[in-house]
Amino acid sequence: MPDPIPAANPAVLPPEIELSPMKATDLKGLAPAVIATADLDMLRDDGETYARKLKENGVQVRLKRYMGVPHPFMFMDGVLDQAKEYIQDSCDALNQVFWRK
């Protein structure tokens, strides 16, 4: 890695520096992951593909798709039940990691 590390700009980074974990050939040994996707998000399939790739590499993954919502739904908890559900699911996952054995 160059020192200092350049900005994460494809026009600046040389091709040997890859920042996307989707392009990694080996994901073994990564920490367990919780991945949330939004049904109406154009990036949904990328998140779900990444979850499958993690599972294929033996990483524990919890994947949940929140139906009928767009990309920024988690900020819409004042109007979307799915956002409230996402926030509760996230808090439950963090609680499980930090407080339960």
Protein backbone atom coordinates (compact mmCIF):
# COMPACT_ATOMS: atom_id res chain seq x y z
CA MET A 1 0.00 0.00 0.00
CA PRO A 2 1.36 3.41 -0.84
CA ASP A 3 2.00 5.83 1.97
CA PRO A 4 -0.04 7.94 2.25
CA ILE A 5 -2.99 5.96 0.86
CA PRO A 6 -4.58 7.90 -2.01
CA ALA A 7 -8.23 8.91 -1.98
CA ALA A 8 -10.67 6.14 -2.94
CA ASN A 9 -11.00 7.41 -6.47
CA PRO A 10 -10.63 4.91 -9.34
CA ALA A 11 -8.98 7.63 -11.42
CA VAL A 12 -6.28 8.02 -8.74
CA LEU A 13 -5.77 4.46 -7.49
CA PRO A 14 -3.45 2.18 -9.42
CA PRO A 15 -5.10 -1.05 -10.62
CA GLU A 16 -3.26 -3.25 -8.09
CA ILE A 17 -5.14 -1.58 -5.21
CA GLU A 18 -8.61 -3.03 -4.87
CA LEU A 19 -11.07 -1.65 -2.32
CA SER A 20 -14.10 -3.82 -3.08
CA PRO A 21 -14.50 -6.96 -0.96
CA MET A 22 -16.75 -8.34 -3.76
CA LYS A 23 -13.62 -8.78 -5.87
CA ALA A 24 -11.67 -10.63 -3.19
CA THR A 25 -10.76 -14.22 -4.05
CA ASP A 26 -10.73 -15.38 -0.42
CA LEU A 27 -13.10 -14.19 2.32
CA LYS A 28 -12.36 -17.00 4.79
CA GLY A 29 -11.84 -15.96 8.39
CA LEU A 30 -13.90 -12.79 8.28
CA ALA A 31 -16.10 -11.89 11.22
CA PRO A 32 -19.78 -12.89 11.11
CA ALA A 33 -21.88 -10.48 9.08
CA VAL A 34 -25.39 -9.07 9.17
CA ILE A 35 -26.46 -7.86 5.73
CA ALA A 36 -29.66 -5.93 5.10
CA THR A 37 -30.93 -5.21 1.61
CA ALA A 38 -33.80 -3.08 0.35
CA ASP A 39 -36.20 -4.68 -2.12
CA LEU A 40 -36.36 -1.62 -4.42
CA ASP A 41 -32.64 -0.82 -4.31
CA MET A 42 -30.59 -1.07 -7.48
CA LEU A 43 -27.70 -2.32 -5.27
CA ARG A 44 -29.80 -5.08 -3.66
CA ASP A 45 -28.38 -7.89 -5.78
CA ASP A 46 -24.81 -6.81 -4.99
CA GLY A 47 -25.49 -7.11 -1.25
CA GLU A 48 -27.13 -10.47 -1.63
CA THR A 49 -24.35 -11.74 -3.89
CA TYR A 50 -21.81 -10.65 -1.29
CA ALA A 51 -23.76 -12.52 1.41
CA ARG A 52 -23.69 -15.69 -0.72
CA LYS A 53 -19.97 -15.27 -1.35
CA LEU A 54 -19.33 -14.92 2.38
CA LYS A 55 -21.36 -18.07 3.09
CA GLU A 56 -19.46 -19.97 0.40
CA ASN A 57 -16.25 -19.00 2.24
CA GLY A 58 -17.56 -20.32 5.55
CA VAL A 59 -18.47 -16.96 7.08
CA GLN A 60 -21.59 -16.85 9.25
CA VAL A 61 -24.09 -14.48 7.58
CA ARG A 62 -27.56 -13.23 8.43
CA LEU A 63 -29.19 -11.79 5.32
CA LYS A 64 -32.56 -10.05 5.33
CA ARG A 65 -34.32 -8.28 2.48
CA TYR A 66 -36.78 -5.57 3.53
CA MET A 67 -39.62 -5.74 1.02
CA GLY A 68 -41.13 -2.79 -0.82
CA VAL A 69 -38.59 -0.17 0.27
CA PRO A 70 -35.91 1.94 -1.46
CA HIS A 71 -32.20 2.27 -0.66
CA PRO A 72 -32.43 4.91 2.13
CA PHE A 73 -35.39 3.27 3.90
CA MET A 74 -33.61 2.96 7.24
CA PHE A 75 -33.82 6.73 7.64
CA MET A 76 -37.60 6.70 7.11
CA ASP A 77 -38.63 5.23 10.46
CA GLY A 78 -41.18 8.00 10.91
CA VAL A 79 -43.25 6.60 8.03
CA LEU A 80 -42.08 3.05 7.21
CA ASP A 81 -42.64 0.02 9.41
CA GLN A 82 -39.76 -1.70 7.58
CA ALA A 83 -37.41 1.03 8.82
CA LYS A 84 -38.53 0.48 12.40
CA GLU A 85 -38.04 -3.25 11.89
CA TYR A 86 -34.54 -2.66 10.44
CA ILE A 87 -33.56 -0.49 13.42
CA GLN A 88 -34.84 -3.11 15.88
CA ASP A 89 -33.08 -5.91 13.96
CA SER A 90 -29.83 -3.93 13.99
CA CYS A 91 -30.09 -3.23 17.72
CA ASP A 92 -30.86 -6.89 18.41
CA ALA A 93 -27.81 -8.00 16.37
CA LEU A 94 -25.53 -5.56 18.19
CA ASN A 95 -26.98 -6.55 21.54
CA GLN A 96 -26.31 -10.20 20.76
CA VAL A 97 -22.68 -9.49 19.87
CA PHE A 98 -21.86 -7.18 22.75
CA TRP A 99 -23.95 -8.43 25.66
CA ARG A 100 -24.84 -12.09 25.17
CA LYS A 101 -22.46 -15.00 25.15
